[in-house]
C-alpha atoms as a PDB file:
ATOM      1  CA  MET A   1     -30.852   9.720   9.964  1.00  0.00           C
ATOM      2  CA  THR A   2     -29.772  11.679  13.047  1.00  0.00           C
ATOM      3  CA  THR A   3     -26.132  12.693  13.278  1.00  0.00           C
ATOM      4  CA  SER A   4     -24.459  14.169  16.338  1.00  0.00           C
ATOM      5  CA  ALA A   5     -22.373  17.301  15.902  1.00  0.00           C
ATOM      6  CA  SER A   6     -19.267  15.457  17.042  1.00  0.00           C
ATOM      7  CA  ALA A   7     -19.705  12.846  14.300  1.00  0.00           C
ATOM      8  CA  LEU A   8     -19.942  15.346  11.484  1.00  0.00           C
ATOM      9  CA  PRO A   9     -16.948  15.651   9.139  1.00  0.00           C
ATOM     10  CA  ASN A  10     -15.027  18.918   9.137  1.00  0.00           C
ATOM     11  CA  ALA A  11     -16.745  20.209   6.010  1.00  0.00           C
ATOM     12  CA  LEU A  12     -20.202  19.820   7.556  1.00  0.00           C
ATOM     13  CA  LYS A  13     -19.087  21.693  10.666  1.00  0.00           C
ATOM     14  CA  GLY A  14     -17.800  24.596   8.600  1.00  0.00           C
ATOM     15  CA  GLY A  15     -14.159  23.468   8.545  1.00  0.00           C
ATOM     16  CA  PRO A  16     -12.072  22.590   5.487  1.00  0.00           C
ATOM     17  CA  ASN A  17     -12.617  19.415   3.522  1.00  0.00           C
ATOM     18  CA  ARG A  18      -9.734  16.928   3.978  1.00  0.00           C
ATOM     19  CA  ILE A  19      -8.997  17.075   0.237  1.00  0.00           C
ATOM     20  CA  ALA A  20      -8.503  20.845   0.316  1.00  0.00           C
ATOM     21  CA  THR A  21      -6.410  20.566   3.459  1.00  0.00           C
ATOM     22  CA  MET A  22      -4.240  17.871   1.890  1.00  0.00           C
ATOM     23  CA  PHE A  23      -3.471  19.956  -1.211  1.00  0.00           C
ATOM     24  CA  ALA A  24      -2.711  22.987   0.954  1.00  0.00           C
ATOM     25  CA  ASP A  25      -0.386  20.960   3.161  1.00  0.00           C
ATOM     26  CA  ARG A  26       1.438  19.473   0.166  1.00  0.00           C
ATOM     27  CA  LYS A  27       2.649  23.012  -0.722  1.00  0.00           C
ATOM     28  CA  GLY A  28       3.237  22.199  -4.377  1.00  0.00           C
ATOM     29  CA  LYS A  29       4.588  18.682  -3.903  1.00  0.00           C
ATOM     30  CA  LYS A  30       3.095  16.018  -6.143  1.00  0.00           C
ATOM     31  CA  VAL A  31       0.135  13.996  -4.885  1.00  0.00           C
ATOM     32  CA  LEU A  32      -0.172  10.217  -5.060  1.00  0.00           C
ATOM     33  CA  ALA A  33      -3.766   8.948  -5.164  1.00  0.00           C
ATOM     34  CA  LEU A  34      -4.491   5.224  -5.144  1.00  0.00           C
ATOM     35  CA  PHE A  35      -7.662   3.385  -6.115  1.00  0.00           C
ATOM     36  CA  LEU A  36      -8.911   0.139  -4.641  1.00  0.00           C
ATOM     37  CA  THR A  37     -12.218  -1.672  -4.880  1.00  0.00           C
ATOM     38  CA  GLY A  38     -14.319  -1.923  -1.735  1.00  0.00           C
ATOM     39  CA  GLY A  39     -14.640  -5.533  -0.557  1.00  0.00           C
ATOM     40  CA  PHE A  40     -11.567  -6.693  -2.486  1.00  0.00           C
ATOM     41  CA  PRO A  41      -9.525  -8.828  -2.175  1.00  0.00           C
ATOM     42  CA  HIS A  42     -11.426  -9.828   0.979  1.00  0.00           C
ATOM     43  CA  LEU A  43     -14.647  -8.481   2.419  1.00  0.00           C
ATOM     44  CA  GLY A  44     -13.003  -6.343   5.100  1.00  0.00           C
ATOM     45  CA  SER A  45      -9.738  -5.588   3.304  1.00  0.00           C
ATOM     46  CA  ALA A  46     -10.195  -1.822   3.097  1.00  0.00           C
ATOM     47  CA  VAL A  47     -10.002  -1.472   6.875  1.00  0.00           C
ATOM     48  CA  GLU A  48      -6.454  -2.836   6.789  1.00  0.00           C
ATOM     49  CA  ILE A  49      -5.314  -1.667   3.368  1.00  0.00           C
ATOM     50  CA  VAL A  50      -6.278   2.028   3.407  1.00  0.00           C
ATOM     51  CA  PRO A  51      -4.188   2.963   6.482  1.00  0.00           C
ATOM     52  CA  ARG A  52      -1.268   0.914   5.146  1.00  0.00           C
ATOM     53  CA  LEU A  53      -1.423   2.727   1.787  1.00  0.00           C
ATOM     54  CA  ALA A  54      -1.534   6.081   3.562  1.00  0.00           C
ATOM     55  CA  ALA A  55       1.458   5.160   5.700  1.00  0.00           C
ATOM     56  CA  ALA A  56       3.349   4.115   2.546  1.00  0.00           C
ATOM     57  CA  GLY A  57       2.836   7.497   0.898  1.00  0.00           C
ATOM     58  CA  ALA A  58      -0.688   7.692  -0.530  1.00  0.00           C
ATOM     59  CA  ASP A  59      -2.004  11.231  -0.099  1.00  0.00           C
ATOM     60  CA  LEU A  60      -5.549  10.291  -1.107  1.00  0.00           C
ATOM     61  CA  VAL A  61      -7.411   7.008  -1.534  1.00  0.00           C
ATOM     62  CA  GLU A  62     -10.286   6.356  -3.930  1.00  0.00           C
ATOM     63  CA  ILE A  63     -12.531   3.450  -3.028  1.00  0.00           C
ATOM     64  CA  GLY A  64     -14.625   1.972  -5.806  1.00  0.00           C
ATOM     65  CA  ILE A  65     -18.220   0.971  -5.132  1.00  0.00           C
ATOM     66  CA  PRO A  66     -18.497  -2.475  -6.773  1.00  0.00           C
ATOM     67  CA  PHE A  67     -21.131  -2.760  -9.479  1.00  0.00           C
ATOM     68  CA  SER A  68     -22.176  -5.679 -11.655  1.00  0.00           C
ATOM     69  CA  ASP A  69     -21.915  -3.755 -14.953  1.00  0.00           C
ATOM     70  CA  PRO A  70     -18.926  -1.367 -14.716  1.00  0.00           C
ATOM     71  CA  MET A  71     -18.845   0.134 -18.226  1.00  0.00           C
ATOM     72  CA  ALA A  72     -15.736   2.317 -17.865  1.00  0.00           C
ATOM     73  CA  ASP A  73     -13.625  -0.257 -16.039  1.00  0.00           C
ATOM     74  CA  GLY A  74     -11.077  -2.516 -17.671  1.00  0.00           C
ATOM     75  CA  PRO A  75     -10.773  -6.240 -16.978  1.00  0.00           C
ATOM     76  CA  VAL A  76      -8.654  -5.844 -13.830  1.00  0.00           C
ATOM     77  CA  ILE A  77     -11.110  -3.604 -11.986  1.00  0.00           C
ATOM     78  CA  GLN A  78     -14.053  -5.590 -13.372  1.00  0.00           C
ATOM     79  CA  LYS A  79     -12.535  -8.724 -11.875  1.00  0.00           C
ATOM     80  CA  SER A  80     -12.039  -7.019  -8.519  1.00  0.00           C
ATOM     81  CA  SER A  81     -15.683  -5.880  -8.539  1.00  0.00           C
ATOM     82  CA  MET A  82     -16.911  -9.394  -9.227  1.00  0.00           C
ATOM     83  CA  VAL A  83     -14.751 -10.755  -6.399  1.00  0.00           C
ATOM     84  CA  ALA A  84     -15.994  -8.039  -4.048  1.00  0.00           C
ATOM     85  CA  LEU A  85     -19.655  -8.713  -4.847  1.00  0.00           C
ATOM     86  CA  ALA A  86     -19.094 -12.441  -4.371  1.00  0.00           C
ATOM     87  CA  ASN A  87     -17.469 -11.634  -1.027  1.00  0.00           C
ATOM     88  CA  GLY A  88     -20.725  -9.969   0.019  1.00  0.00           C
ATOM     89  CA  ILE A  89     -19.818  -6.285  -0.034  1.00  0.00           C
ATOM     90  CA  THR A  90     -22.727  -3.830   0.046  1.00  0.00           C
ATOM     91  CA  LEU A  91     -22.808  -0.054   0.067  1.00  0.00           C
ATOM     92  CA  PRO A  92     -23.956   0.136   3.728  1.00  0.00           C
ATOM     93  CA  LEU A  93     -21.173  -2.258   4.730  1.00  0.00           C
ATOM     94  CA  LEU A  94     -18.593  -0.234   2.792  1.00  0.00           C
ATOM     95  CA  LEU A  95     -19.653   2.945   4.597  1.00  0.00           C
ATOM     96  CA  ASP A  96     -19.343   1.110   7.913  1.00  0.00           C
ATOM     97  CA  GLN A  97     -15.811   0.089   6.956  1.00  0.00           C
ATOM     98  CA  ILE A  98     -14.914   3.710   6.206  1.00  0.00           C
ATOM     99  CA  ARG A  99     -16.156   4.617   9.687  1.00  0.00           C
ATOM    100  CA  VAL A 100     -13.714   2.074  11.086  1.00  0.00           C
ATOM    101  CA  ILE A 101     -10.874   3.449   8.921  1.00  0.00           C
ATOM    102  CA  ARG A 102     -11.534   6.915  10.329  1.00  0.00           C
ATOM    103  CA  ARG A 103     -10.620   5.672  13.799  1.00  0.00           C
ATOM    104  CA  SER A 104      -6.987   5.352  12.712  1.00  0.00           C
ATOM    105  CA  SER A 105      -6.516   7.407   9.547  1.00  0.00           C
ATOM    106  CA  GLN A 106      -7.410  10.874   8.304  1.00  0.00           C
ATOM    107  CA  VAL A 107      -6.261  10.272   4.713  1.00  0.00           C
ATOM    108  CA  PRO A 108      -8.752  11.873   2.293  1.00  0.00           C
ATOM    109  CA  ILE A 109     -11.173   9.265   0.943  1.00  0.00           C
ATOM    110  CA  VAL A 110     -13.138   9.583  -2.299  1.00  0.00           C
ATOM    111  CA  LEU A 111     -15.895   7.171  -3.296  1.00  0.00           C
ATOM    112  CA  MET A 112     -16.039   6.380  -7.012  1.00  0.00           C
ATOM    113  CA  GLY A 113     -19.036   4.583  -8.411  1.00  0.00           C
ATOM    114  CA  TYR A 114     -21.916   4.198 -10.778  1.00  0.00           C
ATOM    115  CA  ILE A 115     -25.348   5.757 -10.338  1.00  0.00           C
ATOM    116  CA  ASN A 116     -27.455   2.598  -9.928  1.00  0.00           C
ATOM    117  CA  PRO A 117     -26.217   1.604  -6.438  1.00  0.00           C
ATOM    118  CA  ILE A 118     -26.644   5.205  -5.275  1.00  0.00           C
ATOM    119  CA  LEU A 119     -30.190   5.430  -6.649  1.00  0.00           C
ATOM    120  CA  ARG A 120     -31.045   2.154  -4.967  1.00  0.00           C
ATOM    121  CA  TYR A 121     -29.610   3.418  -1.671  1.00  0.00           C
ATOM    122  CA  GLY A 122     -31.347   6.774  -2.050  1.00  0.00           C
ATOM    123  CA  PRO A 123     -29.263   9.760  -3.201  1.00  0.00           C
ATOM    124  CA  GLU A 124     -29.998  12.144  -0.317  1.00  0.00           C
ATOM    125  CA  ARG A 125     -29.444   9.409   2.241  1.00  0.00           C
ATOM    126  CA  PHE A 126     -26.281   8.270   0.432  1.00  0.00           C
ATOM    127  CA  PHE A 127     -24.533  11.648   0.397  1.00  0.00           C
ATOM    128  CA  ASP A 128     -25.424  12.343   4.028  1.00  0.00           C
ATOM    129  CA  ASP A 129     -24.332   8.881   5.161  1.00  0.00           C
ATOM    130  CA  ALA A 130     -21.120   9.067   3.115  1.00  0.00           C
ATOM    131  CA  ALA A 131     -20.166  12.374   4.721  1.00  0.00           C
ATOM    132  CA  ASP A 132     -21.069  11.049   8.161  1.00  0.00           C
ATOM    133  CA  ALA A 133     -18.866   7.991   7.562  1.00  0.00           C
ATOM    134  CA  GLY A 134     -15.869  10.190   6.763  1.00  0.00           C
ATOM    135  CA  VAL A 135     -15.933  10.332   2.950  1.00  0.00           C
ATOM    136  CA  ASP A 136     -14.536  13.559   1.498  1.00  0.00           C
ATOM    137  CA  GLY A 137     -15.593  13.452  -2.143  1.00  0.00           C
ATOM    138  CA  VAL A 138     -17.405  11.528  -4.867  1.00  0.00           C
ATOM    139  CA  ILE A 139     -16.622  10.667  -8.472  1.00  0.00           C
ATOM    140  CA  LEU A 140     -19.611   9.648 -10.601  1.00  0.00           C
ATOM    141  CA  PRO A 141     -18.153   8.898 -14.064  1.00  0.00           C
ATOM    142  CA  GLU A 142     -21.547   8.461 -15.727  1.00  0.00           C
ATOM    143  CA  LEU A 143     -22.551  12.077 -15.071  1.00  0.00           C
ATOM    144  CA  PRO A 144     -21.509  14.414 -17.909  1.00  0.00           C
ATOM    145  CA  LEU A 145     -21.195  18.132 -17.320  1.00  0.00           C
ATOM    146  CA  GLU A 146     -24.808  18.712 -18.374  1.00  0.00           C
ATOM    147  CA  GLU A 147     -26.053  16.408 -15.598  1.00  0.00           C
ATOM    148  CA  ALA A 148     -23.478  17.297 -12.943  1.00  0.00           C
ATOM    149  CA  ALA A 149     -26.016  19.540 -11.231  1.00  0.00           C
ATOM    150  CA  ARG A 150     -28.355  16.581 -10.688  1.00  0.00           C
ATOM    151  CA  PHE A 151     -26.980  15.905  -7.200  1.00  0.00           C
ATOM    152  CA  ARG A 152     -24.993  19.099  -6.649  1.00  0.00           C
ATOM    153  CA  GLU A 153     -27.244  20.594  -3.985  1.00  0.00           C
ATOM    154  CA  GLN A 154     -27.160  17.382  -1.955  1.00  0.00           C
ATOM    155  CA  ILE A 155     -23.406  16.976  -2.418  1.00  0.00           C
ATOM    156  CA  VAL A 156     -22.651  20.564  -1.394  1.00  0.00           C
ATOM    157  CA  ARG A 157     -24.972  20.368   1.609  1.00  0.00           C
ATOM    158  CA  SER A 158     -23.180  17.201   2.728  1.00  0.00           C
ATOM    159  CA  GLY A 159     -19.807  18.955   2.506  1.00  0.00           C
ATOM    160  CA  LEU A 160     -18.443  16.581  -0.143  1.00  0.00           C
ATOM    161  CA  ALA A 161     -16.303  17.442  -3.148  1.00  0.00           C
ATOM    162  CA  GLN A 162     -17.834  16.633  -6.541  1.00  0.00           C
ATOM    163  CA  ILE A 163     -14.916  15.580  -8.714  1.00  0.00           C
ATOM    164  CA  LEU A 164     -15.487  15.653 -12.480  1.00  0.00           C
ATOM    165  CA  LEU A 165     -13.461  14.159 -15.329  1.00  0.00           C
ATOM    166  CA  VAL A 166     -11.946  15.370 -18.586  1.00  0.00           C
ATOM    167  CA  THR A 167     -10.652  13.092 -21.357  1.00  0.00           C
ATOM    168  CA  PRO A 168      -8.478  13.399 -24.490  1.00  0.00           C
ATOM    169  CA  THR A 169     -11.645  14.058 -26.521  1.00  0.00           C
ATOM    170  CA  THR A 170     -12.850  16.950 -24.336  1.00  0.00           C
ATOM    171  CA  PRO A 171     -12.766  20.262 -26.287  1.00  0.00           C
ATOM    172  CA  PRO A 172     -10.733  23.091 -24.692  1.00  0.00           C
ATOM    173  CA  GLU A 173     -13.728  25.275 -23.854  1.00  0.00           C
ATOM    174  CA  ARG A 174     -15.455  22.316 -22.224  1.00  0.00           C
ATOM    175  CA  ILE A 175     -12.369  21.597 -20.097  1.00  0.00           C
ATOM    176  CA  ALA A 176     -12.706  25.047 -18.558  1.00  0.00           C
ATOM    177  CA  ALA A 177     -16.426  24.530 -17.908  1.00  0.00           C
ATOM    178  CA  ILE A 178     -15.862  21.128 -16.289  1.00  0.00           C
ATOM    179  CA  ASP A 179     -13.101  22.571 -14.137  1.00  0.00           C
ATOM    180  CA  ALA A 180     -15.437  25.366 -13.006  1.00  0.00           C
ATOM    181  CA  ALA A 181     -18.135  22.837 -12.056  1.00  0.00           C
ATOM    182  CA  SER A 182     -15.740  20.465 -10.270  1.00  0.00           C
ATOM    183  CA  SER A 183     -14.493  20.700  -6.701  1.00  0.00           C
ATOM    184  CA  GLY A 184     -11.695  18.993  -4.782  1.00  0.00           C
ATOM    185  CA  PHE A 185      -9.636  18.337  -7.897  1.00  0.00           C
ATOM    186  CA  LEU A 186     -10.053  17.761 -11.611  1.00  0.00           C
ATOM    187  CA  TYR A 187      -9.606  14.162 -12.785  1.00  0.00           C
ATOM    188  CA  CYS A 188      -7.660  14.111 -16.057  1.00  0.00           C
ATOM    189  CA  VAL A 189      -8.173  10.778 -17.823  1.00  0.00           C
ATOM    190  CA  ALA A 190      -4.895  10.163 -19.641  1.00  0.00           C
ATOM    191  CA  THR A 191      -6.219   7.827 -22.333  1.00  0.00           C
ATOM    192  CA  THR A 192      -9.390   7.035 -24.196  1.00  0.00           C
ATOM    193  CA  GLY A 193     -11.046   3.725 -23.404  1.00  0.00           C
ATOM    194  CA  VAL A 194     -11.375   1.817 -20.138  1.00  0.00           C
ATOM    195  CA  THR A 195      -9.193   1.829 -17.042  1.00  0.00           C
ATOM    196  CA  GLY A 196      -5.868   0.038 -17.035  1.00  0.00           C
ATOM    197  CA  VAL A 197      -5.286   0.364 -20.789  1.00  0.00           C
ATOM    198  CA  GLY A 198      -2.448   2.321 -22.373  1.00  0.00           C
ATOM    199  CA  GLY A 199      -1.112   5.376 -20.592  1.00  0.00           C
ATOM    200  CA  LYS A 200       2.555   5.041 -21.579  1.00  0.00           C
ATOM    201  CA  SER A 201       2.589   8.222 -23.647  1.00  0.00           C
ATOM    202  CA  ALA A 202       0.025  10.075 -21.479  1.00  0.00           C
ATOM    203  CA  ALA A 203      -0.474  12.550 -24.369  1.00  0.00           C
ATOM    204  CA  HIS A 204       1.947  15.308 -23.383  1.00  0.00           C
ATOM    205  CA  ASP A 205       0.200  18.045 -25.369  1.00  0.00           C
ATOM    206  CA  TYR A 206      -3.243  17.002 -24.115  1.00  0.00           C
ATOM    207  CA  VAL A 207      -2.318  17.101 -20.422  1.00  0.00           C
ATOM    208  CA  ALA A 208      -0.492  20.397 -20.917  1.00  0.00           C
ATOM    209  CA  ASN A 209      -3.608  21.821 -22.575  1.00  0.00           C
ATOM    210  CA  VAL A 210      -5.792  20.679 -19.688  1.00  0.00           C
ATOM    211  CA  ARG A 211      -3.363  22.304 -17.269  1.00  0.00           C
ATOM    212  CA  ALA A 212      -3.610  25.563 -19.214  1.00  0.00           C
ATOM    213  CA  LYS A 213      -7.418  25.551 -19.263  1.00  0.00           C
ATOM    214  CA  ALA A 214      -8.062  24.289 -15.726  1.00  0.00           C
ATOM    215  CA  ARG A 215      -7.443  27.230 -13.411  1.00  0.00           C
ATOM    216  CA  LYS A 216      -9.723  26.437 -10.457  1.00  0.00           C
ATOM    217  CA  ASN A 217      -8.734  22.961  -9.274  1.00  0.00           C
ATOM    218  CA  PRO A 218      -5.595  20.892  -8.785  1.00  0.00           C
ATOM    219  CA  LEU A 219      -5.129  18.430 -11.655  1.00  0.00           C
ATOM    220  CA  LEU A 220      -4.601  14.709 -11.080  1.00  0.00           C
ATOM    221  CA  VAL A 221      -3.862  12.372 -13.995  1.00  0.00           C
ATOM    222  CA  GLY A 222      -5.125   8.785 -14.043  1.00  0.00           C
ATOM    223  CA  PHE A 223      -5.829   5.718 -16.236  1.00  0.00           C
ATOM    224  CA  GLY A 224      -2.984   3.518 -17.458  1.00  0.00           C
ATOM    225  CA  ILE A 225      -0.334   4.571 -14.934  1.00  0.00           C
ATOM    226  CA  SER A 226       1.368   1.392 -13.771  1.00  0.00           C
ATOM    227  CA  SER A 227       5.020   2.094 -12.997  1.00  0.00           C
ATOM    228  CA  PRO A 228       7.230   4.691 -11.314  1.00  0.00           C
ATOM    229  CA  ASP A 229       8.287   5.926 -14.761  1.00  0.00           C
ATOM    230  CA  ASP A 230       4.645   6.359 -15.823  1.00  0.00           C
ATOM    231  CA  ALA A 231       3.930   8.226 -12.608  1.00  0.00           C
ATOM    232  CA  ARG A 232       6.960  10.488 -13.011  1.00  0.00           C
ATOM    233  CA  ARG A 233       5.982  11.487 -16.552  1.00  0.00           C
ATOM    234  CA  ALA A 234       2.348  12.167 -15.672  1.00  0.00           C
ATOM    235  CA  ALA A 235       3.228  14.104 -12.523  1.00  0.00           C
ATOM    236  CA  SER A 236       5.642  16.353 -14.419  1.00  0.00           C
ATOM    237  CA  GLN A 237       2.681  18.164 -16.017  1.00  0.00           C
ATOM    238  CA  SER A 238       0.123  17.894 -13.224  1.00  0.00           C
ATOM    239  CA  ASP A 239      -0.368  18.107  -9.489  1.00  0.00           C
ATOM    240  CA  GLY A 240      -0.186  14.352  -9.101  1.00  0.00           C
ATOM    241  CA  VAL A 241      -1.310  10.955 -10.314  1.00  0.00           C
ATOM    242  CA  ILE A 242      -4.019   8.364  -9.687  1.00  0.00           C
ATOM    243  CA  VAL A 243      -3.071   4.682  -9.840  1.00  0.00           C
ATOM    244  CA  GLY A 244      -5.747   1.992  -9.775  1.00  0.00           C
ATOM    245  CA  SER A 245      -5.589  -1.061 -12.019  1.00  0.00           C
ATOM    246  CA  ALA A 246      -1.874  -1.577 -11.386  1.00  0.00           C
ATOM    247  CA  LEU A 247      -2.501  -1.686  -7.630  1.00  0.00           C
ATOM    248  CA  ILE A 248      -5.424  -4.093  -7.910  1.00  0.00           C
ATOM    249  CA  LYS A 249      -3.464  -6.317 -10.293  1.00  0.00           C
ATOM    250  CA  ARG A 250      -0.828  -6.820  -7.609  1.00  0.00           C
ATOM    251  CA  PHE A 251      -3.432  -8.113  -5.197  1.00  0.00           C
ATOM    252  CA  LEU A 252      -4.921 -10.340  -7.913  1.00  0.00           C
ATOM    253  CA  GLU A 253      -1.464 -11.798  -8.516  1.00  0.00           C
ATOM    254  CA  GLY A 254      -1.095 -12.630  -4.840  1.00  0.00           C
ATOM    255  CA  GLU A 255       1.490 -10.073  -3.754  1.00  0.00           C
ATOM    256  CA  THR A 256       1.824  -9.613  -0.022  1.00  0.00           C
ATOM    257  CA  MET A 257       0.915  -6.355   1.672  1.00  0.00           C
ATOM    258  CA  GLU A 258       4.609  -5.746   2.289  1.00  0.00           C
ATOM    259  CA  GLU A 259       5.351  -6.096  -1.441  1.00  0.00           C
ATOM    260  CA  VAL A 260       2.509  -3.730  -2.300  1.00  0.00           C
ATOM    261  CA  VAL A 261       3.726  -1.194   0.262  1.00  0.00           C
ATOM    262  CA  ALA A 262       7.240  -1.278  -1.208  1.00  0.00           C
ATOM    263  CA  TRP A 263       5.810  -0.632  -4.681  1.00  0.00           C
ATOM    264  CA  VAL A 264       3.682   2.271  -3.408  1.00  0.00           C
ATOM    265  CA  ARG A 265       6.796   3.798  -1.876  1.00  0.00           C
ATOM    266  CA  SER A 266       8.554   3.502  -5.238  1.00  0.00           C
ATOM    267  CA  LEU A 267       5.695   5.455  -6.879  1.00  0.00           C
ATOM    268  CA  LYS A 268       5.888   8.119  -4.213  1.00  0.00           C
ATOM    269  CA  ASP A 269       9.647   8.418  -4.580  1.00  0.00           C
ATOM    270  CA  ALA A 270       9.272   8.720  -8.374  1.00  0.00           C
ATOM    271  CA  ILE A 271       6.943  11.709  -8.280  1.00  0.00           C
ATOM    272  CA  GLY A 272       8.901  13.523  -5.577  1.00  0.00           C
END
């Protein structure tokens, strides 16, 4: 693939990654990250939805790469993946949609997905094409710390952030090691289990311990955050929150874009 210098993202041209720039610009204010599934609720939805979410207060948007066997996803995100695949979404088409989004929005975009679609696409080609499309980072939940280096050279060369996860079962010394290996931010999974489950208590001591051990990256808390109150509690101990299943559920239930935007604004207001 041949890429012109003008098409390269900032990171590939030696400039800052949009994620790093966003955290620097926030100057300590809490970050709201939202997750949606590519190709859901309609094939081309992301082109409309991502800029609307950014305008409503989202500081960062994660886009899920639909997969037929999403092990870590709860029923809501699983349903959205099945709808997206039935709609005809593919990884090349999703990257094309991100290129379109970049014409109107510079909100940081992170792709989150499983390894199989990336292997099928071709890892080196995928990371280069993702960066060229305007992606800023990747989250690959299947890769533990011991395998995080598998694609690191390709990810770094492409100028992408490699965002790793910690969970309530991660030992303290491992939290520090994962933080050291991560870039962009550290994803703090608030609960054990799949997405969209629990999260009301958000394990105060656990998140505080992660904050104490993670010294390199900003800390964003996700999984199970569904209301402004949830977001406020999680953000009180972190640099911000990630909301996914609750957003997708609203689309599944037929809420209008205006209703979703109003809810996003309420989350943003809650975290300050």
